[in-house]
């Protein structure tokens, strides 16, 4: 069973987070939510297998923390 672990504000952010998780060996699926007129501003859910959710959360927290301090 898949579990939503994060909702990214757009496709680009979702793809960056997916790549960070994939580099750590986590299987990730992306799923757009809502309706967008231009296709790029739709929120995107990141889903992982339920058994990998805890590890995925830890990796996401690290990735998001690094992104905040780069600005």
N, C-alpha and C. Protein backbone atom coordinates (compact mmCIF):
# COMPACT_ATOMS: atom_id res chain seq x y z
N UNK A 1 0.84 -1.17 0.00
CA UNK A 1 0.00 0.00 0.00
C UNK A 1 0.89 1.25 0.00
N UNK A 2 0.49 2.26 -0.75
CA UNK A 2 1.23 3.50 -0.87
C UNK A 2 0.71 4.53 0.13
N UNK A 3 1.61 5.38 0.61
CA UNK A 3 1.24 6.39 1.59
C UNK A 3 1.75 7.75 1.14
N UNK A 4 0.88 8.76 1.23
CA UNK A 4 1.29 10.13 0.92
C UNK A 4 2.17 10.61 2.06
N UNK A 5 3.37 11.10 1.72
CA UNK A 5 4.26 11.59 2.77
C UNK A 5 4.49 13.09 2.68
N UNK A 6 4.12 13.68 1.55
CA UNK A 6 4.34 15.12 1.39
C UNK A 6 3.50 15.61 0.21
N UNK A 7 3.06 16.86 0.30
CA UNK A 7 2.37 17.50 -0.82
C UNK A 7 3.20 18.70 -1.24
N UNK A 8 3.81 18.60 -2.38
CA UNK A 8 4.66 19.67 -2.91
C UNK A 8 3.79 20.74 -3.57
N UNK A 9 4.27 21.99 -3.56
CA UNK A 9 3.47 23.08 -4.14
C UNK A 9 3.40 23.07 -5.66
N UNK A 10 4.34 22.35 -6.31
CA UNK A 10 4.35 22.30 -7.77
C UNK A 10 5.15 21.09 -8.25
N UNK A 11 5.11 20.86 -9.54
CA UNK A 11 5.75 19.69 -10.12
C UNK A 11 7.27 19.74 -9.97
N UNK A 12 7.86 20.91 -10.15
CA UNK A 12 9.31 21.04 -10.06
C UNK A 12 9.81 20.67 -8.66
N UNK A 13 9.15 21.18 -7.63
CA UNK A 13 9.54 20.85 -6.25
C UNK A 13 9.36 19.36 -6.00
N UNK A 14 8.27 18.78 -6.48
CA UNK A 14 8.01 17.36 -6.29
C UNK A 14 9.10 16.51 -6.95
N UNK A 15 9.52 16.89 -8.14
CA UNK A 15 10.55 16.14 -8.84
C UNK A 15 11.89 16.22 -8.12
N UNK A 16 12.21 17.38 -7.55
CA UNK A 16 13.46 17.52 -6.80
C UNK A 16 13.45 16.63 -5.56
N UNK A 17 12.32 16.61 -4.87
CA UNK A 17 12.21 15.77 -3.67
C UNK A 17 12.20 14.29 -4.04
N UNK A 18 11.54 13.95 -5.13
CA UNK A 18 11.55 12.57 -5.61
C UNK A 18 12.98 12.12 -5.89
N UNK A 19 13.76 12.98 -6.52
CA UNK A 19 15.15 12.64 -6.83
C UNK A 19 15.96 12.42 -5.56
N UNK A 20 15.74 13.26 -4.54
CA UNK A 20 16.46 13.10 -3.28
C UNK A 20 16.12 11.76 -2.62
N UNK A 21 14.85 11.39 -2.66
CA UNK A 21 14.42 10.12 -2.08
C UNK A 21 14.95 8.94 -2.90
N UNK A 22 14.89 9.06 -4.21
CA UNK A 22 15.35 7.98 -5.09
C UNK A 22 16.84 7.72 -4.91
N UNK A 23 17.62 8.78 -4.69
CA UNK A 23 19.05 8.62 -4.48
C UNK A 23 19.35 7.80 -3.23
N UNK A 24 18.41 7.80 -2.29
CA UNK A 24 18.57 7.03 -1.06
C UNK A 24 17.92 5.65 -1.16
N UNK A 25 17.44 5.30 -2.35
CA UNK A 25 16.88 3.98 -2.57
C UNK A 25 15.41 3.84 -2.25
N UNK A 26 14.72 4.95 -2.09
CA UNK A 26 13.28 4.93 -1.78
C UNK A 26 12.50 4.98 -3.09
N UNK A 27 11.54 4.09 -3.23
CA UNK A 27 10.65 4.07 -4.38
C UNK A 27 9.60 5.16 -4.18
N UNK A 28 9.44 6.05 -5.17
CA UNK A 28 8.55 7.21 -5.05
C UNK A 28 7.63 7.29 -6.25
N UNK A 29 6.38 7.63 -5.99
CA UNK A 29 5.41 7.88 -7.04
C UNK A 29 4.88 9.30 -6.85
N UNK A 30 4.64 10.00 -7.95
CA UNK A 30 4.07 11.35 -7.89
C UNK A 30 2.64 11.31 -8.41
N UNK A 31 1.78 12.13 -7.77
CA UNK A 31 0.38 12.18 -8.21
C UNK A 31 -0.11 13.63 -8.09
N UNK A 32 -0.48 14.21 -9.22
CA UNK A 32 -0.99 15.58 -9.23
C UNK A 32 -2.36 15.62 -8.56
N UNK A 33 -2.61 16.72 -7.86
CA UNK A 33 -3.91 16.90 -7.22
C UNK A 33 -4.52 18.20 -7.70
N UNK A 34 -5.81 18.28 -7.72
CA UNK A 34 -6.48 19.50 -8.12
C UNK A 34 -6.44 19.71 -9.62
N UNK A 35 -6.92 20.87 -10.02
CA UNK A 35 -7.00 21.22 -11.43
C UNK A 35 -6.20 22.50 -11.64
N UNK A 36 -5.39 22.51 -12.67
CA UNK A 36 -4.59 23.69 -12.98
C UNK A 36 -4.89 24.14 -14.41
N UNK A 37 -4.88 25.43 -14.60
CA UNK A 37 -5.13 25.96 -15.94
C UNK A 37 -3.90 25.90 -16.81
N UNK A 38 -2.70 25.98 -16.21
CA UNK A 38 -1.48 25.96 -17.03
C UNK A 38 -0.65 24.70 -16.84
N UNK A 39 -1.08 23.80 -15.97
CA UNK A 39 -0.41 22.51 -15.81
C UNK A 39 0.78 22.50 -14.88
N UNK A 40 1.27 23.65 -14.45
CA UNK A 40 2.48 23.64 -13.62
C UNK A 40 2.22 24.02 -12.16
N UNK A 41 1.08 24.59 -11.86
CA UNK A 41 0.83 25.04 -10.50
C UNK A 41 -0.01 24.08 -9.67
N UNK A 42 -0.21 22.89 -10.16
CA UNK A 42 -0.97 21.90 -9.42
C UNK A 42 -0.11 21.33 -8.31
N UNK A 43 -0.68 21.16 -7.13
CA UNK A 43 0.04 20.50 -6.05
C UNK A 43 0.29 19.05 -6.45
N UNK A 44 1.39 18.48 -5.95
CA UNK A 44 1.77 17.12 -6.31
C UNK A 44 2.06 16.33 -5.05
N UNK A 45 1.38 15.20 -4.89
CA UNK A 45 1.61 14.31 -3.75
C UNK A 45 2.81 13.41 -4.03
N UNK A 46 3.63 13.21 -3.01
CA UNK A 46 4.71 12.22 -3.07
C UNK A 46 4.23 11.01 -2.28
N UNK A 47 4.24 9.87 -2.94
CA UNK A 47 3.80 8.63 -2.29
C UNK A 47 4.95 7.64 -2.25
N UNK A 48 5.04 6.90 -1.15
CA UNK A 48 6.04 5.85 -1.01
C UNK A 48 5.35 4.62 -0.45
N UNK A 49 5.98 3.44 -0.61
CA UNK A 49 5.41 2.25 0.02
C UNK A 49 5.31 2.48 1.53
N UNK A 50 4.26 2.01 2.12
CA UNK A 50 3.98 2.26 3.53
C UNK A 50 5.15 1.87 4.43
N UNK A 51 5.82 0.78 4.11
CA UNK A 51 6.93 0.31 4.93
C UNK A 51 8.16 1.21 4.87
N UNK A 52 8.21 2.12 3.91
CA UNK A 52 9.35 3.02 3.77
C UNK A 52 9.02 4.45 4.20
N UNK A 53 7.82 4.67 4.72
CA UNK A 53 7.35 6.02 5.03
C UNK A 53 8.21 6.70 6.10
N UNK A 54 8.56 6.00 7.14
CA UNK A 54 9.35 6.61 8.22
C UNK A 54 10.71 7.08 7.71
N UNK A 55 11.40 6.20 6.99
CA UNK A 55 12.70 6.55 6.43
C UNK A 55 12.57 7.70 5.43
N UNK A 56 11.52 7.67 4.63
CA UNK A 56 11.30 8.72 3.64
C UNK A 56 11.08 10.07 4.32
N UNK A 57 10.35 10.09 5.44
CA UNK A 57 10.13 11.33 6.18
C UNK A 57 11.45 11.90 6.67
N UNK A 58 12.32 11.05 7.18
CA UNK A 58 13.62 11.51 7.67
C UNK A 58 14.44 12.13 6.54
N UNK A 59 14.44 11.47 5.39
CA UNK A 59 15.18 11.99 4.23
C UNK A 59 14.59 13.31 3.76
N UNK A 60 13.26 13.39 3.72
CA UNK A 60 12.60 14.64 3.31
C UNK A 60 12.93 15.78 4.26
N UNK A 61 12.90 15.51 5.56
CA UNK A 61 13.22 16.55 6.54
C UNK A 61 14.63 17.09 6.32
N UNK A 62 15.57 16.21 6.05
CA UNK A 62 16.94 16.64 5.78
C UNK A 62 17.01 17.46 4.50
N UNK A 63 16.36 16.98 3.44
CA UNK A 63 16.39 17.67 2.15
C UNK A 63 15.72 19.05 2.26
N UNK A 64 14.61 19.13 2.94
CA UNK A 64 13.91 20.40 3.08
C UNK A 64 14.71 21.36 3.96
N UNK A 65 15.36 20.84 4.98
CA UNK A 65 16.21 21.67 5.84
C UNK A 65 17.37 22.26 5.08
N UNK A 66 18.01 21.46 4.24
CA UNK A 66 19.13 21.96 3.42
C UNK A 66 18.63 23.03 2.45
N UNK A 67 17.46 22.84 1.89
CA UNK A 67 16.92 23.80 0.92
C UNK A 67 16.64 25.15 1.60
N UNK A 68 16.18 25.13 2.83
CA UNK A 68 15.87 26.38 3.54
C UNK A 68 17.14 27.17 3.83
N UNK A 69 18.21 26.48 4.14
CA UNK A 69 19.44 27.18 4.51
C UNK A 69 20.25 27.63 3.30
N UNK A 70 19.94 27.14 2.11
CA UNK A 70 20.65 27.56 0.91
C UNK A 70 20.25 28.96 0.48
N UNK A 71 19.06 29.40 0.84
CA UNK A 71 18.54 30.69 0.38
C UNK A 71 19.29 31.84 1.01
